[in-house]
C-alpha atoms as a PDB file:
ATOM      1  CA  MET A   1       0.876   3.749  -5.461  1.00  0.00           C
ATOM      2  CA  GLU A   2       0.829   5.101  -8.784  1.00  0.00           C
ATOM      3  CA  ASP A   3      -2.134   6.831 -10.163  1.00  0.00           C
ATOM      4  CA  VAL A   4      -4.744   6.406  -7.157  1.00  0.00           C
ATOM      5  CA  GLU A   5      -7.439   7.752  -9.013  1.00  0.00           C
ATOM      6  CA  ASN A   6      -7.078   4.797 -11.324  1.00  0.00           C
ATOM      7  CA  THR A   7      -8.112   1.605  -9.901  1.00  0.00           C
ATOM      8  CA  ASP A   8      -7.159  -0.439 -12.758  1.00  0.00           C
ATOM      9  CA  THR A   9      -3.386   0.197 -12.067  1.00  0.00           C
ATOM     10  CA  HIS A  10      -1.906  -2.813 -10.449  1.00  0.00           C
ATOM     11  CA  GLN A  11       1.704  -3.507  -9.010  1.00  0.00           C
ATOM     12  CA  ASP A  12       3.335  -4.986  -6.136  1.00  0.00           C
ATOM     13  CA  VAL A  13       4.035  -2.691  -2.985  1.00  0.00           C
ATOM     14  CA  VAL A  14       6.386  -3.393  -0.494  1.00  0.00           C
ATOM     15  CA  LEU A  15       5.999  -1.632   2.922  1.00  0.00           C
ATOM     16  CA  ILE A  16       8.921  -1.822   5.429  1.00  0.00           C
ATOM     17  CA  ALA A  17       8.859  -2.138   9.105  1.00  0.00           C
ATOM     18  CA  GLY A  18      11.656  -0.245  10.536  1.00  0.00           C
ATOM     19  CA  ASP A  19      14.981   1.522   9.106  1.00  0.00           C
ATOM     20  CA  PRO A  20      14.997   0.707   5.039  1.00  0.00           C
ATOM     21  CA  ALA A  21      18.804   0.836   4.980  1.00  0.00           C
ATOM     22  CA  ASP A  22      18.664  -2.108   7.724  1.00  0.00           C
ATOM     23  CA  PRO A  23      18.809  -5.354   5.971  1.00  0.00           C
ATOM     24  CA  THR A  24      17.032  -7.049   9.135  1.00  0.00           C
ATOM     25  CA  SER A  25      13.979  -4.918   9.010  1.00  0.00           C
ATOM     26  CA  ARG A  26      10.848  -6.949   8.116  1.00  0.00           C
ATOM     27  CA  ARG A  27       9.702  -6.068   4.623  1.00  0.00           C
ATOM     28  CA  ILE A  28       6.219  -7.283   3.826  1.00  0.00           C
ATOM     29  CA  ARG A  29       5.287  -7.300  -0.218  1.00  0.00           C
ATOM     30  CA  LEU A  30       1.443  -6.925  -1.015  1.00  0.00           C
ATOM     31  CA  VAL A  31       0.972  -8.614  -4.524  1.00  0.00           C
ATOM     32  CA  ASP A  32      -1.217  -7.145  -7.102  1.00  0.00           C
ATOM     33  CA  ALA A  33      -2.184  -4.635  -5.109  1.00  0.00           C
ATOM     34  CA  TRP A  34      -3.938  -1.636  -6.406  1.00  0.00           C
ATOM     35  CA  ALA A  35      -5.930   1.469  -4.701  1.00  0.00           C
ATOM     36  CA  SER A  36      -9.442   0.461  -4.248  1.00  0.00           C
ATOM     37  CA  SER A  37     -10.838   3.431  -3.340  1.00  0.00           C
ATOM     38  CA  SER A  38     -10.410   6.926  -1.453  1.00  0.00           C
ATOM     39  CA  TYR A  39     -11.259   6.508   2.045  1.00  0.00           C
ATOM     40  CA  HIS A  40     -13.212   9.246   4.140  1.00  0.00           C
ATOM     41  CA  LEU A  41     -14.978   9.092   6.790  1.00  0.00           C
ATOM     42  CA  ASP A  42     -15.834  13.182   7.168  1.00  0.00           C
ATOM     43  CA  GLU A  43     -14.009  15.985   6.063  1.00  0.00           C
ATOM     44  CA  ASP A  44     -11.654  16.333   8.558  1.00  0.00           C
ATOM     45  CA  ASP A  45      -9.918  12.950   7.816  1.00  0.00           C
ATOM     46  CA  ASP A  46      -7.048  13.240   5.465  1.00  0.00           C
ATOM     47  CA  PRO A  47      -7.901  13.795   2.029  1.00  0.00           C
ATOM     48  CA  ASP A  48      -5.269  11.816   0.275  1.00  0.00           C
ATOM     49  CA  ALA A  49      -6.133   8.944   2.168  1.00  0.00           C
ATOM     50  CA  PHE A  50      -6.751   5.942   0.272  1.00  0.00           C
ATOM     51  CA  MET A  51      -7.339   1.719   0.732  1.00  0.00           C
ATOM     52  CA  ILE A  52      -5.217  -0.401  -0.907  1.00  0.00           C
ATOM     53  CA  THR A  53      -6.533  -3.985  -1.853  1.00  0.00           C
ATOM     54  CA  PHE A  54      -4.324  -6.615  -2.575  1.00  0.00           C
ATOM     55  CA  ALA A  55      -4.336 -10.430  -4.284  1.00  0.00           C
ATOM     56  CA  ASP A  56      -1.543 -11.814  -1.280  1.00  0.00           C
ATOM     57  CA  ILE A  57       0.642 -10.989   1.203  1.00  0.00           C
ATOM     58  CA  ALA A  58       3.959 -12.323   2.076  1.00  0.00           C
ATOM     59  CA  VAL A  59       6.942 -11.174   4.568  1.00  0.00           C
ATOM     60  CA  GLU A  60      10.195 -10.995   2.875  1.00  0.00           C
ATOM     61  CA  LYS A  61      13.104 -12.168   4.951  1.00  0.00           C
END
C-alpha cells in the first residue's frame, strides 16, 4: 500500500497465494483498498502493521 499514513490513498491491491511467477497461483484483488489505520495490540506487535479496508474482493483466474 502506498502512503500508509494517508488514509485518503485508495488503490486496487492484488494478493498472490503461491509463486507469483506461476500463472496457476490464485490472485485475490482487493478493489478500492486503503490503509484504514495502524494496528497495534501492544508494544510487542510489529510497528509496521496496518489494517487494510476494501470496497470489494474478487478471486481472479
